[in-house]
Amino acid sequence: MIVAVWIPLLIPLLAVPAARRLAAWLPPRAAAWLLAGCAAALAACATAALGLLAAAGALRLPAVAALGHLVLPLPGPDPDVTVPVACAAGALLAGCALAAGRRALAHRAGLRTARRAVGARAAAGDLCVLPDAAPDAYALPGRPGRIVVTAGMLRALAPDEREALFAHERAHLAGRHHLFLLTATLAAACHPLLRGLRAPLEYALERWADESAAVRVGDRALTARAIGRAALAARPGAHRPGAALAATAGPVPRRVAALLAPGRPPARPRRAGRRLVGAALLCCVVFSAASALEAATDLHQSVEAAQAQKRW
């Protein structure tokens, strides 16, 4: 357990760059699933490792050992080292839980506040128009989801461009993209290195919605023009709910270029290179999970050995 328990805490140093590189070579939908899945898996393994470190130290305390009917000392490293490490791990684990809980509650509260504000306005289907002169538009998740657009944005776009913009926002709602972002946010609360996955995930989600809108309206150039004009018209620093996704977010020039020039990115490597990076990322995730499992097994065996000594 001494070595294995630290591996899930260090693996993100390798896994995050590999995930970012692989996501840049994948279609947007696959990239979004890859990044969100890696964030969730790596965060779970890191949290489990902290929990195992805290438990290993706690079991060396006489009061805790008595509750588990254990004989001290437990086999393993020096308790003078284990107990302080366990205290630090327990503090980190509590901090992660508190941060994740606060972010989840803030996400929920932001959605409720935004939906109450939007609910007071008349809506035509899933479309809600705000009488605001500042151009803005975003997808507000919920049941039902809403596309919130200001009168200023409607005036800034031609009718066919509005349809492309609405198709983009509907793609966010249909794909439940806010849950992908929430997953990345909670994962980052569990391990700081996982923050590096949020920016590429946001880009992948916007590109996913761009491609869905282009298919829906049947015109990639129109979709690119609508997104570009909406981004130019949008008010910088517009206040939106934290869970809202907007077509004007992210690196818009890059997204417009991808719509206007579909196909393989110019820097895309050969299949062998993609497979190598994919295999490396898979090994990182599997190795992290296997290490956490091995550490848990070692701790369980130590507890069983101590309980057997108690019975004898």
C-alpha atoms as a PDB file:
ATOM      1  CA  MET A   1       0.000   0.000   0.000  1.00  0.00           C
ATOM      2  CA  ILE A   2       2.921   2.343   0.708  1.00  0.00           C
ATOM      3  CA  VAL A   3       3.643   2.884  -3.002  1.00  0.00           C
ATOM      4  CA  ALA A   4       0.330   1.987  -4.626  1.00  0.00           C
ATOM      5  CA  VAL A   5      -1.733   4.509  -2.671  1.00  0.00           C
ATOM      6  CA  TRP A   6       0.288   7.451  -4.030  1.00  0.00           C
ATOM      7  CA  ILE A   7      -0.043   6.507  -7.697  1.00  0.00           C
ATOM      8  CA  PRO A   8      -3.639   7.788  -8.190  1.00  0.00           C
ATOM      9  CA  LEU A   9      -2.545  11.148  -6.793  1.00  0.00           C
ATOM     10  CA  LEU A  10       0.350  11.431  -9.276  1.00  0.00           C
ATOM     11  CA  ILE A  11      -1.156   9.856 -12.399  1.00  0.00           C
ATOM     12  CA  PRO A  12      -2.959  13.099 -13.471  1.00  0.00           C
ATOM     13  CA  LEU A  13       0.485  14.581 -14.174  1.00  0.00           C
ATOM     14  CA  LEU A  14       0.639  12.233 -17.175  1.00  0.00           C
ATOM     15  CA  ALA A  15      -3.034  11.606 -17.875  1.00  0.00           C
ATOM     16  CA  VAL A  16      -4.185  15.225 -18.222  1.00  0.00           C
ATOM     17  CA  PRO A  17      -1.717  16.158 -21.021  1.00  0.00           C
ATOM     18  CA  ALA A  18      -2.479  12.873 -22.812  1.00  0.00           C
ATOM     19  CA  ALA A  19      -6.238  13.464 -22.573  1.00  0.00           C
ATOM     20  CA  ARG A  20      -5.900  17.020 -23.886  1.00  0.00           C
ATOM     21  CA  ARG A  21      -3.770  15.871 -26.823  1.00  0.00           C
ATOM     22  CA  LEU A  22      -6.066  12.968 -27.724  1.00  0.00           C
ATOM     23  CA  ALA A  23      -9.199  15.120 -27.447  1.00  0.00           C
ATOM     24  CA  ALA A  24      -7.742  17.591 -29.960  1.00  0.00           C
ATOM     25  CA  TRP A  25      -7.607  14.782 -32.542  1.00  0.00           C
ATOM     26  CA  LEU A  26     -11.093  13.372 -31.943  1.00  0.00           C
ATOM     27  CA  PRO A  27     -14.507  14.484 -33.205  1.00  0.00           C
ATOM     28  CA  PRO A  28     -16.140  16.925 -30.745  1.00  0.00           C
ATOM     29  CA  ARG A  29     -18.677  14.499 -29.302  1.00  0.00           C
ATOM     30  CA  ALA A  30     -16.085  11.783 -28.674  1.00  0.00           C
ATOM     31  CA  ALA A  31     -13.683  14.368 -27.233  1.00  0.00           C
ATOM     32  CA  ALA A  32     -16.314  15.611 -24.771  1.00  0.00           C
ATOM     33  CA  TRP A  33     -17.072  12.094 -23.532  1.00  0.00           C
ATOM     34  CA  LEU A  34     -13.363  11.294 -23.273  1.00  0.00           C
ATOM     35  CA  LEU A  35     -12.524  14.391 -21.232  1.00  0.00           C
ATOM     36  CA  ALA A  36     -15.516  14.111 -18.889  1.00  0.00           C
ATOM     37  CA  GLY A  37     -14.955  10.375 -18.395  1.00  0.00           C
ATOM     38  CA  CYS A  38     -11.260  10.809 -17.643  1.00  0.00           C
ATOM     39  CA  ALA A  39     -11.992  13.630 -15.209  1.00  0.00           C
ATOM     40  CA  ALA A  40     -14.543  11.504 -13.340  1.00  0.00           C
ATOM     41  CA  ALA A  41     -12.341   8.374 -13.253  1.00  0.00           C
ATOM     42  CA  LEU A  42      -9.162  10.150 -12.162  1.00  0.00           C
ATOM     43  CA  ALA A  43     -11.013  12.153  -9.510  1.00  0.00           C
ATOM     44  CA  ALA A  44     -12.611   9.000  -8.113  1.00  0.00           C
ATOM     45  CA  CYS A  45      -9.240   7.230  -7.890  1.00  0.00           C
ATOM     46  CA  ALA A  46      -7.555  10.226  -6.248  1.00  0.00           C
ATOM     47  CA  THR A  47     -10.369  10.552  -3.715  1.00  0.00           C
ATOM     48  CA  ALA A  48     -10.152   6.838  -2.937  1.00  0.00           C
ATOM     49  CA  ALA A  49      -6.407   7.167  -2.375  1.00  0.00           C
ATOM     50  CA  LEU A  50      -6.890  10.013   0.096  1.00  0.00           C
ATOM     51  CA  GLY A  51      -9.541   7.975   1.883  1.00  0.00           C
ATOM     52  CA  LEU A  52      -7.225   4.972   2.152  1.00  0.00           C
ATOM     53  CA  LEU A  53      -4.384   7.105   3.511  1.00  0.00           C
ATOM     54  CA  ALA A  54      -6.713   8.596   6.111  1.00  0.00           C
ATOM     55  CA  ALA A  55      -8.120   5.185   7.060  1.00  0.00           C
ATOM     56  CA  ALA A  56      -4.661   3.601   7.402  1.00  0.00           C
ATOM     57  CA  GLY A  57      -3.626   6.246   9.904  1.00  0.00           C
ATOM     58  CA  ALA A  58      -6.926   6.267  11.763  1.00  0.00           C
ATOM     59  CA  LEU A  59      -6.715   2.495  12.333  1.00  0.00           C
ATOM     60  CA  ARG A  60      -3.443   2.996  14.223  1.00  0.00           C
ATOM     61  CA  LEU A  61      -5.169   5.114  16.832  1.00  0.00           C
ATOM     62  CA  PRO A  62      -6.108   3.035  19.899  1.00  0.00           C
ATOM     63  CA  ALA A  63      -9.695   4.323  20.026  1.00  0.00           C
ATOM     64  CA  VAL A  64     -10.356   3.473  16.377  1.00  0.00           C
ATOM     65  CA  ALA A  65      -8.565   0.130  16.640  1.00  0.00           C
ATOM     66  CA  ALA A  66     -10.720  -0.821  19.602  1.00  0.00           C
ATOM     67  CA  LEU A  67     -13.879  -0.159  17.609  1.00  0.00           C
ATOM     68  CA  GLY A  68     -12.636  -2.515  14.899  1.00  0.00           C
ATOM     69  CA  HIS A  69     -11.415  -5.135  17.394  1.00  0.00           C
ATOM     70  CA  LEU A  70      -7.824  -4.775  16.144  1.00  0.00           C
ATOM     71  CA  VAL A  71      -4.518  -5.523  17.835  1.00  0.00           C
ATOM     72  CA  LEU A  72      -1.974  -2.722  17.649  1.00  0.00           C
ATOM     73  CA  PRO A  73       0.434  -2.150  16.115  1.00  0.00           C
ATOM     74  CA  LEU A  74      -0.863  -2.963  12.638  1.00  0.00           C
ATOM     75  CA  PRO A  75       1.687  -4.378  10.200  1.00  0.00           C
ATOM     76  CA  GLY A  76       3.069  -1.738   7.883  1.00  0.00           C
ATOM     77  CA  PRO A  77       5.138   1.453   7.977  1.00  0.00           C
ATOM     78  CA  ASP A  78       6.133   3.380  11.079  1.00  0.00           C
ATOM     79  CA  PRO A  79       3.061   4.908  12.773  1.00  0.00           C
ATOM     80  CA  ASP A  80       5.099   8.060  13.489  1.00  0.00           C
ATOM     81  CA  VAL A  81       4.959   8.664   9.738  1.00  0.00           C
ATOM     82  CA  THR A  82       1.585   7.087   8.938  1.00  0.00           C
ATOM     83  CA  VAL A  83      -0.492   9.051  11.416  1.00  0.00           C
ATOM     84  CA  PRO A  84       0.671  12.566  10.351  1.00  0.00           C
ATOM     85  CA  VAL A  85       0.233  11.597   6.683  1.00  0.00           C
ATOM     86  CA  ALA A  86      -3.233  10.297   7.498  1.00  0.00           C
ATOM     87  CA  CYS A  87      -4.136  13.556   9.223  1.00  0.00           C
ATOM     88  CA  ALA A  88      -3.038  15.521   6.164  1.00  0.00           C
ATOM     89  CA  ALA A  89      -4.940  13.165   3.866  1.00  0.00           C
ATOM     90  CA  GLY A  90      -8.035  13.453   6.035  1.00  0.00           C
ATOM     91  CA  ALA A  91      -7.850  17.238   5.960  1.00  0.00           C
ATOM     92  CA  LEU A  92      -7.449  17.205   2.169  1.00  0.00           C
ATOM     93  CA  LEU A  93     -10.325  14.766   1.815  1.00  0.00           C
ATOM     94  CA  ALA A  94     -12.565  16.970   3.945  1.00  0.00           C
ATOM     95  CA  GLY A  95     -11.518  20.021   1.937  1.00  0.00           C
ATOM     96  CA  CYS A  96     -12.296  18.236  -1.339  1.00  0.00           C
ATOM     97  CA  ALA A  97     -15.701  17.156  -0.079  1.00  0.00           C
ATOM     98  CA  LEU A  98     -16.478  20.675   1.109  1.00  0.00           C
ATOM     99  CA  ALA A  99     -15.348  22.254  -2.181  1.00  0.00           C
ATOM    100  CA  ALA A 100     -17.282  19.754  -4.283  1.00  0.00           C
ATOM    101  CA  GLY A 101     -20.390  20.204  -2.147  1.00  0.00           C
ATOM    102  CA  ARG A 102     -20.203  23.991  -2.362  1.00  0.00           C
ATOM    103  CA  ARG A 103     -19.793  23.905  -6.137  1.00  0.00           C
ATOM    104  CA  ALA A 104     -22.681  21.490  -6.567  1.00  0.00           C
ATOM    105  CA  LEU A 105     -24.925  23.651  -4.378  1.00  0.00           C
ATOM    106  CA  ALA A 106     -23.839  26.798  -6.220  1.00  0.00           C
ATOM    107  CA  HIS A 107     -24.659  25.103  -9.530  1.00  0.00           C
ATOM    108  CA  ARG A 108     -28.108  24.160  -8.288  1.00  0.00           C
ATOM    109  CA  ALA A 109     -28.786  27.567  -6.745  1.00  0.00           C
ATOM    110  CA  GLY A 110     -27.687  29.365  -9.901  1.00  0.00           C
ATOM    111  CA  LEU A 111     -30.033  27.267 -12.000  1.00  0.00           C
ATOM    112  CA  ARG A 112     -32.945  27.902  -9.655  1.00  0.00           C
ATOM    113  CA  THR A 113     -32.351  31.653  -9.604  1.00  0.00           C
ATOM    114  CA  ALA A 114     -32.057  31.841 -13.375  1.00  0.00           C
ATOM    115  CA  ARG A 115     -35.137  29.723 -13.952  1.00  0.00           C
ATOM    116  CA  ARG A 116     -37.181  31.862 -11.581  1.00  0.00           C
ATOM    117  CA  ALA A 117     -36.104  34.982 -13.472  1.00  0.00           C
ATOM    118  CA  VAL A 118     -36.864  33.412 -16.836  1.00  0.00           C
ATOM    119  CA  GLY A 119     -40.071  31.823 -15.611  1.00  0.00           C
ATOM    120  CA  ALA A 120     -41.613  35.238 -15.121  1.00  0.00           C
ATOM    121  CA  ARG A 121     -41.275  35.900 -18.859  1.00  0.00           C
ATOM    122  CA  ALA A 122     -43.592  34.611 -21.549  1.00  0.00           C
ATOM    123  CA  ALA A 123     -42.074  31.821 -23.630  1.00  0.00           C
ATOM    124  CA  ALA A 124     -42.834  30.516 -27.086  1.00  0.00           C
ATOM    125  CA  GLY A 125     -42.069  26.813 -26.796  1.00  0.00           C
ATOM    126  CA  ASP A 126     -38.496  26.536 -25.516  1.00  0.00           C
ATOM    127  CA  LEU A 127     -37.651  30.134 -26.500  1.00  0.00           C
ATOM    128  CA  CYS A 128     -37.713  32.954 -23.956  1.00  0.00           C
ATOM    129  CA  VAL A 129     -37.038  36.521 -25.158  1.00  0.00           C
ATOM    130  CA  LEU A 130     -35.746  39.069 -22.658  1.00  0.00           C
ATOM    131  CA  PRO A 131     -36.427  42.778 -23.370  1.00  0.00           C
ATOM    132  CA  ASP A 132     -32.746  43.652 -23.056  1.00  0.00           C
ATOM    133  CA  ALA A 133     -31.003  45.818 -25.640  1.00  0.00           C
ATOM    134  CA  ALA A 134     -27.623  44.152 -24.968  1.00  0.00           C
ATOM    135  CA  PRO A 135     -27.195  41.184 -27.371  1.00  0.00           C
ATOM    136  CA  ASP A 136     -26.944  37.853 -25.573  1.00  0.00           C
ATOM    137  CA  ALA A 137     -28.188  34.289 -25.928  1.00  0.00           C
ATOM    138  CA  TYR A 138     -27.641  31.093 -23.958  1.00  0.00           C
ATOM    139  CA  ALA A 139     -29.081  27.668 -23.187  1.00  0.00           C
ATOM    140  CA  LEU A 140     -30.578  27.334 -19.711  1.00  0.00           C
ATOM    141  CA  PRO A 141     -30.874  23.659 -18.669  1.00  0.00           C
ATOM    142  CA  GLY A 142     -33.757  22.322 -16.650  1.00  0.00           C
ATOM    143  CA  ARG A 143     -37.152  20.703 -17.075  1.00  0.00           C
ATOM    144  CA  PRO A 144     -37.976  21.997 -19.547  1.00  0.00           C
ATOM    145  CA  GLY A 145     -34.810  23.543 -20.912  1.00  0.00           C
ATOM    146  CA  ARG A 146     -35.018  27.101 -22.207  1.00  0.00           C
ATOM    147  CA  ILE A 147     -33.213  29.076 -24.900  1.00  0.00           C
ATOM    148  CA  VAL A 148     -32.844  32.562 -23.493  1.00  0.00           C
ATOM    149  CA  VAL A 149     -32.226  35.342 -26.018  1.00  0.00           C
ATOM    150  CA  THR A 150     -32.350  39.105 -25.706  1.00  0.00           C
ATOM    151  CA  ALA A 151     -34.134  41.476 -28.051  1.00  0.00           C
ATOM    152  CA  GLY A 152     -30.739  42.976 -28.869  1.00  0.00           C
ATOM    153  CA  MET A 153     -29.434  39.637 -30.142  1.00  0.00           C
ATOM    154  CA  LEU A 154     -32.536  39.106 -32.266  1.00  0.00           C
ATOM    155  CA  ARG A 155     -31.992  42.498 -33.886  1.00  0.00           C
ATOM    156  CA  ALA A 156     -28.312  41.734 -34.512  1.00  0.00           C
ATOM    157  CA  LEU A 157     -28.981  38.582 -36.567  1.00  0.00           C
ATOM    158  CA  ALA A 158     -30.839  37.846 -39.769  1.00  0.00           C
ATOM    159  CA  PRO A 159     -33.762  35.358 -39.547  1.00  0.00           C
ATOM    160  CA  ASP A 160     -31.761  32.412 -40.949  1.00  0.00           C
ATOM    161  CA  GLU A 161     -28.878  33.215 -38.602  1.00  0.00           C
ATOM    162  CA  ARG A 162     -31.251  33.199 -35.647  1.00  0.00           C
ATOM    163  CA  GLU A 163     -32.351  29.687 -36.563  1.00  0.00           C
ATOM    164  CA  ALA A 164     -28.741  28.531 -36.661  1.00  0.00           C
ATOM    165  CA  LEU A 165     -28.098  30.133 -33.269  1.00  0.00           C
ATOM    166  CA  PHE A 166     -31.191  28.499 -31.785  1.00  0.00           C
ATOM    167  CA  ALA A 167     -30.118  25.131 -33.219  1.00  0.00           C
ATOM    168  CA  HIS A 168     -26.768  25.527 -31.468  1.00  0.00           C
ATOM    169  CA  GLU A 169     -28.407  26.247 -28.116  1.00  0.00           C
ATOM    170  CA  ARG A 170     -30.884  23.376 -28.563  1.00  0.00           C
ATOM    171  CA  ALA A 171     -27.949  21.044 -29.111  1.00  0.00           C
ATOM    172  CA  HIS A 172     -26.577  22.072 -25.709  1.00  0.00           C
ATOM    173  CA  LEU A 173     -29.913  21.253 -24.093  1.00  0.00           C
ATOM    174  CA  ALA A 174     -30.422  17.973 -25.951  1.00  0.00           C
ATOM    175  CA  GLY A 175     -26.908  16.762 -25.116  1.00  0.00           C
ATOM    176  CA  ARG A 176     -27.212  17.861 -21.460  1.00  0.00           C
ATOM    177  CA  HIS A 177     -23.842  19.539 -21.831  1.00  0.00           C
ATOM    178  CA  HIS A 178     -24.119  21.280 -18.470  1.00  0.00           C
ATOM    179  CA  LEU A 179     -23.666  17.899 -16.790  1.00  0.00           C
ATOM    180  CA  PHE A 180     -20.344  17.425 -18.596  1.00  0.00           C
ATOM    181  CA  LEU A 181     -19.148  20.765 -17.241  1.00  0.00           C
ATOM    182  CA  LEU A 182     -20.451  19.954 -13.756  1.00  0.00           C
ATOM    183  CA  THR A 183     -18.490  16.682 -13.847  1.00  0.00           C
ATOM    184  CA  ALA A 184     -15.299  18.559 -14.726  1.00  0.00           C
ATOM    185  CA  THR A 185     -15.970  21.148 -11.999  1.00  0.00           C
ATOM    186  CA  LEU A 186     -16.465  18.504  -9.298  1.00  0.00           C
ATOM    187  CA  ALA A 187     -13.424  16.552 -10.514  1.00  0.00           C
ATOM    188  CA  ALA A 188     -11.271  19.683 -10.265  1.00  0.00           C
ATOM    189  CA  ALA A 189     -12.450  20.098  -6.672  1.00  0.00           C
ATOM    190  CA  CYS A 190     -11.074  16.627  -5.938  1.00  0.00           C
ATOM    191  CA  HIS A 191      -7.714  17.113  -7.652  1.00  0.00           C
ATOM    192  CA  PRO A 192      -6.297  20.510  -8.737  1.00  0.00           C
ATOM    193  CA  LEU A 193      -4.462  19.058 -11.755  1.00  0.00           C
ATOM    194  CA  LEU A 194      -7.801  18.059 -13.299  1.00  0.00           C
ATOM    195  CA  ARG A 195      -8.620  21.741 -13.843  1.00  0.00           C
ATOM    196  CA  GLY A 196      -6.590  21.400 -17.033  1.00  0.00           C
ATOM    197  CA  LEU A 197      -9.396  19.344 -18.595  1.00  0.00           C
ATOM    198  CA  ARG A 198     -12.104  22.001 -18.289  1.00  0.00           C
ATOM    199  CA  ALA A 199     -10.972  24.356 -21.073  1.00  0.00           C
ATOM    200  CA  PRO A 200     -10.679  21.633 -23.742  1.00  0.00           C
ATOM    201  CA  LEU A 201     -13.990  20.197 -22.540  1.00  0.00           C
ATOM    202  CA  GLU A 202     -15.721  23.557 -22.978  1.00  0.00           C
ATOM    203  CA  TYR A 203     -14.293  23.823 -26.485  1.00  0.00           C
ATOM    204  CA  ALA A 204     -15.383  20.257 -27.352  1.00  0.00           C
ATOM    205  CA  LEU A 205     -18.925  20.955 -26.155  1.00  0.00           C
ATOM    206  CA  GLU A 206     -19.167  24.141 -28.218  1.00  0.00           C
ATOM    207  CA  ARG A 207     -17.837  22.332 -31.275  1.00  0.00           C
ATOM    208  CA  TRP A 208     -20.316  19.508 -30.648  1.00  0.00           C
ATOM    209  CA  ALA A 209     -23.150  22.034 -30.634  1.00  0.00           C
ATOM    210  CA  ASP A 210     -21.704  23.776 -33.710  1.00  0.00           C
ATOM    211  CA  GLU A 211     -21.715  20.543 -35.699  1.00  0.00           C
ATOM    212  CA  SER A 212     -25.219  19.659 -34.529  1.00  0.00           C
ATOM    213  CA  ALA A 213     -26.471  23.098 -35.588  1.00  0.00           C
ATOM    214  CA  ALA A 214     -24.792  22.795 -38.989  1.00  0.00           C
ATOM    215  CA  VAL A 215     -26.523  19.464 -39.574  1.00  0.00           C
ATOM    216  CA  ARG A 216     -29.836  20.867 -38.371  1.00  0.00           C
ATOM    217  CA  VAL A 217     -29.846  23.906 -40.672  1.00  0.00           C
ATOM    218  CA  GLY A 218     -28.002  22.125 -43.477  1.00  0.00           C
ATOM    219  CA  ASP A 219     -25.517  24.936 -44.069  1.00  0.00           C
ATOM    220  CA  ARG A 220     -22.093  25.078 -42.426  1.00  0.00           C
ATOM    221  CA  ALA A 221     -21.310  28.553 -43.760  1.00  0.00           C
ATOM    222  CA  LEU A 222     -24.569  29.925 -42.371  1.00  0.00           C
ATOM    223  CA  THR A 223     -23.850  28.357 -38.974  1.00  0.00           C
ATOM    224  CA  ALA A 224     -20.341  29.812 -38.936  1.00  0.00           C
ATOM    225  CA  ARG A 225     -21.663  33.245 -39.900  1.00  0.00           C
ATOM    226  CA  ALA A 226     -24.352  33.151 -37.212  1.00  0.00           C
ATOM    227  CA  ILE A 227     -21.874  32.190 -34.486  1.00  0.00           C
ATOM    228  CA  GLY A 228     -19.363  34.809 -35.615  1.00  0.00           C
ATOM    229  CA  ARG A 229     -21.909  37.624 -35.782  1.00  0.00           C
ATOM    230  CA  ALA A 230     -23.441  36.621 -32.441  1.00  0.00           C
ATOM    231  CA  ALA A 231     -19.986  36.656 -30.825  1.00  0.00           C
ATOM    232  CA  LEU A 232     -19.188  40.089 -32.277  1.00  0.00           C
ATOM    233  CA  ALA A 233     -22.512  41.487 -31.110  1.00  0.00           C
ATOM    234  CA  ALA A 234     -22.487  39.909 -27.643  1.00  0.00           C
ATOM    235  CA  ARG A 235     -21.711  42.142 -24.698  1.00  0.00           C
ATOM    236  CA  PRO A 236     -18.288  41.344 -23.181  1.00  0.00           C
ATOM    237  CA  GLY A 237     -18.601  39.968 -19.652  1.00  0.00           C
ATOM    238  CA  ALA A 238     -22.335  39.398 -19.935  1.00  0.00           C
ATOM    239  CA  HIS A 239     -23.810  38.024 -16.721  1.00  0.00           C
ATOM    240  CA  ARG A 240     -25.148  34.508 -17.252  1.00  0.00           C
ATOM    241  CA  PRO A 241     -25.983  31.644 -14.890  1.00  0.00           C
ATOM    242  CA  GLY A 242     -22.991  29.445 -14.187  1.00  0.00           C
ATOM    243  CA  ALA A 243     -24.660  26.400 -15.742  1.00  0.00           C
ATOM    244  CA  ALA A 244     -25.640  28.218 -18.948  1.00  0.00           C
ATOM    245  CA  LEU A 245     -23.863  27.480 -22.216  1.00  0.00           C
ATOM    246  CA  ALA A 246     -23.661  30.081 -24.973  1.00  0.00           C
ATOM    247  CA  ALA A 247     -22.734  29.976 -28.646  1.00  0.00           C
ATOM    248  CA  THR A 248     -20.510  33.021 -28.105  1.00  0.00           C
ATOM    249  CA  ALA A 249     -18.285  31.256 -25.554  1.00  0.00           C
ATOM    250  CA  GLY A 250     -14.834  29.847 -26.127  1.00  0.00           C
ATOM    251  CA  PRO A 251     -12.380  30.478 -28.989  1.00  0.00           C
ATOM    252  CA  VAL A 252     -14.952  31.559 -31.587  1.00  0.00           C
ATOM    253  CA  PRO A 253     -12.464  32.161 -34.458  1.00  0.00           C
ATOM    254  CA  ARG A 254     -11.201  28.606 -34.071  1.00  0.00           C
ATOM    255  CA  ARG A 255     -14.723  27.240 -34.101  1.00  0.00           C
ATOM    256  CA  VAL A 256     -15.701  29.276 -37.164  1.00  0.00           C
ATOM    257  CA  ALA A 257     -12.594  28.055 -38.989  1.00  0.00           C
ATOM    258  CA  ALA A 258     -13.484  24.437 -38.147  1.00  0.00           C
ATOM    259  CA  LEU A 259     -16.988  24.929 -39.560  1.00  0.00           C
ATOM    260  CA  LEU A 260     -15.733  26.540 -42.746  1.00  0.00           C
ATOM    261  CA  ALA A 261     -12.973  23.988 -43.325  1.00  0.00           C
ATOM    262  CA  PRO A 262     -14.347  20.605 -42.224  1.00  0.00           C
ATOM    263  CA  GLY A 263     -12.098  17.577 -42.313  1.00  0.00           C
ATOM    264  CA  ARG A 264      -8.926  16.513 -40.653  1.00  0.00           C
ATOM    265  CA  PRO A 265      -7.044  19.110 -38.644  1.00  0.00           C
ATOM    266  CA  PRO A 266      -3.721  19.934 -40.307  1.00  0.00           C
ATOM    267  CA  ALA A 267      -1.690  18.840 -37.256  1.00  0.00           C
ATOM    268  CA  ARG A 268      -3.456  15.508 -36.894  1.00  0.00           C
ATOM    269  CA  PRO A 269      -0.858  12.696 -36.644  1.00  0.00           C
ATOM    270  CA  ARG A 270      -1.006   9.302 -38.231  1.00  0.00           C
ATOM    271  CA  ARG A 271      -3.208   6.580 -36.814  1.00  0.00           C
ATOM    272  CA  ALA A 272      -0.236   4.970 -35.054  1.00  0.00           C
ATOM    273  CA  GLY A 273       0.433   8.183 -33.134  1.00  0.00           C
ATOM    274  CA  ARG A 274      -3.188   8.541 -32.069  1.00  0.00           C
ATOM    275  CA  ARG A 275      -3.272   4.926 -30.949  1.00  0.00           C
ATOM    276  CA  LEU A 276      -0.086   5.402 -28.945  1.00  0.00           C
ATOM    277  CA  VAL A 277      -1.464   8.421 -27.075  1.00  0.00           C
ATOM    278  CA  GLY A 278      -4.807   6.656 -26.575  1.00  0.00           C
ATOM    279  CA  ALA A 279      -3.070   3.567 -25.202  1.00  0.00           C
ATOM    280  CA  ALA A 280      -0.995   5.738 -22.861  1.00  0.00           C
ATOM    281  CA  LEU A 281      -4.116   7.459 -21.547  1.00  0.00           C
ATOM    282  CA  LEU A 282      -5.910   4.147 -21.078  1.00  0.00           C
ATOM    283  CA  CYS A 283      -2.916   2.755 -19.213  1.00  0.00           C
ATOM    284  CA  CYS A 284      -2.885   5.804 -16.937  1.00  0.00           C
ATOM    285  CA  VAL A 285      -6.553   5.415 -16.012  1.00  0.00           C
ATOM    286  CA  VAL A 286      -6.346   1.628 -15.578  1.00  0.00           C
ATOM    287  CA  PHE A 287      -3.104   1.863 -13.589  1.00  0.00           C
ATOM    288  CA  SER A 288      -4.645   4.498 -11.323  1.00  0.00           C
ATOM    289  CA  ALA A 289      -7.712   2.349 -10.640  1.00  0.00           C
ATOM    290  CA  ALA A 290      -5.624  -0.809 -10.169  1.00  0.00           C
ATOM    291  CA  SER A 291      -3.312   0.971  -7.728  1.00  0.00           C
ATOM    292  CA  ALA A 292      -6.233   2.225  -5.654  1.00  0.00           C
ATOM    293  CA  LEU A 293      -7.683  -1.293  -5.625  1.00  0.00           C
ATOM    294  CA  GLU A 294      -4.337  -2.804  -4.627  1.00  0.00           C
ATOM    295  CA  ALA A 295      -3.951  -0.300  -1.782  1.00  0.00           C
ATOM    296  CA  ALA A 296      -7.471  -1.087  -0.566  1.00  0.00           C
ATOM    297  CA  THR A 297      -6.718  -4.819  -0.694  1.00  0.00           C
ATOM    298  CA  ASP A 298      -3.499  -4.386   1.298  1.00  0.00           C
ATOM    299  CA  LEU A 299      -5.303  -2.359   3.949  1.00  0.00           C
ATOM    300  CA  HIS A 300      -8.078  -4.934   4.157  1.00  0.00           C
ATOM    301  CA  GLN A 301      -5.545  -7.742   4.619  1.00  0.00           C
ATOM    302  CA  SER A 302      -3.813  -5.795   7.394  1.00  0.00           C
ATOM    303  CA  VAL A 303      -7.125  -5.321   9.183  1.00  0.00           C
ATOM    304  CA  GLU A 304      -7.975  -9.006   8.842  1.00  0.00           C
ATOM    305  CA  ALA A 305      -4.564  -9.976  10.222  1.00  0.00           C
ATOM    306  CA  ALA A 306      -5.035  -7.670  13.224  1.00  0.00           C
ATOM    307  CA  GLN A 307      -8.524  -9.046  13.871  1.00  0.00           C
ATOM    308  CA  ALA A 308      -7.172 -12.608  13.732  1.00  0.00           C
ATOM    309  CA  GLN A 309      -4.536 -11.736  16.340  1.00  0.00           C
ATOM    310  CA  LYS A 310      -7.304 -10.315  18.551  1.00  0.00           C
ATOM    311  CA  ARG A 311      -9.261 -13.564  18.363  1.00  0.00           C
ATOM    312  CA  TRP A 312      -6.202 -15.595  19.285  1.00  0.00           C
END
